[in-house]
Amino acid sequence: MARVLVADDDADIRDLVAFKLTQSGHQVTAVEDGMTALRVLRERPPDLVLLDIRMPGISGLDVCRELRAAEETSSLPVILITARSQEGDVELGFSAGADDYIVKPFSPRELSSRVNAVLSRVER
């Protein structure tokens, strides 16, 4: 399956996402902040990135913008995960370059389905 990078400062969410995606056959690297995510991305780019929007230091939105600005990661699929569900928040996520936007709380089954859907669009 795919190599997935998960960045979320909430250990419970990070562990849940990592567990579900590993259970689905993906290789998961889980980190706790945006700065670490950027470092891991530069060392070994994954096939997909899941980013919490609100993290200490560099937000998921800022990480997403950096990915879109760099030629080598401009087409890397990004899914944002956040508790912010207002229409303006969702719009902000997509304008930063996200491929999908998942609102917390979410079902693990929905997470897996969305990850697989984004990955299948990229493989075409």
Protein backbone atom coordinates (compact mmCIF):
# COMPACT_ATOMS: atom_id res chain seq x y z
CA MET A 1 0.00 0.00 0.00
CA ALA A 2 1.14 3.59 0.60
CA ARG A 3 3.64 5.37 2.82
CA VAL A 4 1.67 7.87 4.92
CA LEU A 5 2.94 10.68 7.14
CA VAL A 6 0.62 11.72 9.96
CA ALA A 7 1.26 14.96 11.87
CA ASP A 8 -0.98 15.73 14.86
CA ASP A 9 -0.09 17.14 18.27
CA ASP A 10 -2.87 15.13 19.94
CA ALA A 11 -1.29 11.77 20.78
CA ASP A 12 -4.66 9.98 20.96
CA ILE A 13 -5.70 11.14 17.48
CA ARG A 14 -2.22 10.46 16.09
CA ASP A 15 -2.25 6.93 17.51
CA LEU A 16 -5.79 6.24 16.27
CA VAL A 17 -4.97 7.43 12.74
CA ALA A 18 -1.69 5.49 12.68
CA PHE A 19 -3.39 2.33 13.98
CA LYS A 20 -6.25 2.46 11.47
CA LEU A 21 -4.00 3.16 8.50
CA THR A 22 -1.52 0.46 9.54
CA GLN A 23 -4.45 -1.93 9.92
CA SER A 24 -5.41 -1.01 6.33
CA GLY A 25 -1.95 -2.03 5.13
CA HIS A 26 -0.21 1.35 4.91
CA GLN A 27 3.24 2.17 6.27
CA VAL A 28 2.73 5.03 8.73
CA THR A 29 5.16 7.54 10.19
CA ALA A 30 3.53 9.61 12.93
CA VAL A 31 4.96 12.90 14.23
CA GLU A 32 3.73 15.48 16.71
CA ASP A 33 4.29 18.81 14.96
CA GLY A 34 4.66 20.61 11.65
CA MET A 35 8.41 21.20 11.90
CA THR A 36 9.06 17.48 12.37
CA ALA A 37 6.69 16.73 9.51
CA LEU A 38 8.67 18.99 7.17
CA ARG A 39 11.94 17.35 8.24
CA VAL A 40 10.55 13.84 7.62
CA LEU A 41 9.07 14.94 4.28
CA ARG A 42 12.46 16.17 3.09
CA GLU A 43 14.24 12.99 4.20
CA ARG A 44 11.80 10.53 2.65
CA PRO A 45 8.71 11.88 0.88
CA PRO A 46 5.61 9.79 1.61
CA ASP A 47 2.78 8.98 -0.79
CA LEU A 48 0.25 10.93 1.31
CA VAL A 49 0.30 13.41 4.20
CA LEU A 50 -2.36 13.86 6.89
CA LEU A 51 -1.99 17.12 8.80
CA ASP A 52 -3.75 18.50 11.83
CA ILE A 53 -4.39 22.17 11.17
CA ARG A 54 -3.67 23.42 14.69
CA MET A 55 -0.23 22.33 15.85
CA PRO A 56 2.40 24.19 17.85
CA GLY A 57 5.02 26.01 15.80
CA ILE A 58 4.12 25.44 12.18
CA SER A 59 0.44 24.78 11.52
CA GLY A 60 -0.84 22.13 9.15
CA LEU A 61 -2.00 24.90 6.82
CA ASP A 62 1.54 26.31 6.69
CA VAL A 63 3.01 22.86 6.06
CA CYS A 64 0.49 22.34 3.25
CA ARG A 65 1.40 25.72 1.71
CA GLU A 66 5.11 24.86 1.86
CA LEU A 67 4.46 21.53 0.16
CA ARG A 68 2.52 23.22 -2.64
CA ALA A 69 5.23 25.87 -3.10
CA ALA A 70 8.06 23.35 -3.56
CA GLU A 71 8.29 21.71 -6.97
CA GLU A 72 9.24 18.28 -5.61
CA THR A 73 6.19 18.12 -3.30
CA SER A 74 3.69 20.28 -5.17
CA SER A 75 1.55 17.30 -6.20
CA LEU A 76 1.89 15.31 -2.96
CA PRO A 77 -1.62 14.49 -1.70
CA VAL A 78 -2.56 16.24 1.54
CA ILE A 79 -5.55 15.62 3.80
CA LEU A 80 -6.19 18.11 6.59
CA ILE A 81 -7.66 16.88 9.88
CA THR A 82 -9.23 19.43 12.21
CA ALA A 83 -11.94 20.17 14.71
CA ARG A 84 -12.74 23.37 12.80
CA SER A 85 -15.82 22.71 10.69
CA GLN A 86 -17.08 26.18 9.73
CA GLU A 87 -17.44 26.77 6.00
CA GLY A 88 -14.70 29.41 6.08
CA ASP A 89 -12.30 26.99 7.78
CA VAL A 90 -12.91 24.33 5.15
CA GLU A 91 -12.47 26.91 2.39
CA LEU A 92 -9.18 28.04 3.96
CA GLY A 93 -7.94 24.43 4.00
CA PHE A 94 -8.71 23.89 0.34
CA SER A 95 -7.22 27.26 -0.63
CA ALA A 96 -3.99 26.18 1.11
CA GLY A 97 -3.89 23.26 -1.33
CA ALA A 98 -5.46 20.37 0.58
CA ASP A 99 -6.90 17.47 -1.41
CA ASP A 100 -9.41 16.62 1.31
CA TYR A 101 -10.57 17.89 4.71
CA ILE A 102 -11.69 15.65 7.58
CA VAL A 103 -13.50 17.10 10.59
CA LYS A 104 -12.91 15.71 14.10
CA PRO A 105 -14.44 13.67 15.49
CA PHE A 106 -14.40 11.27 12.57
CA SER A 107 -15.00 7.57 12.20
CA PRO A 108 -11.91 5.45 11.55
CA ARG A 109 -13.77 3.82 8.65
CA GLU A 110 -14.40 7.24 7.06
CA LEU A 111 -10.72 8.12 7.50
CA SER A 112 -9.63 4.92 5.76
CA SER A 113 -12.12 5.47 2.92
CA ARG A 114 -10.98 9.05 2.33
CA VAL A 115 -7.30 8.08 2.38
CA ASN A 116 -7.96 5.33 -0.16
CA ALA A 117 -10.02 7.68 -2.34
CA VAL A 118 -7.29 10.33 -2.44
CA LEU A 119 -4.63 7.70 -3.15
CA SER A 120 -6.67 6.18 -5.97
CA ARG A 121 -7.08 9.62 -7.61
CA VAL A 122 -3.32 10.12 -7.50
CA GLU A 123 -2.52 6.70 -8.99
CA ARG A 124 -4.54 7.41 -12.16
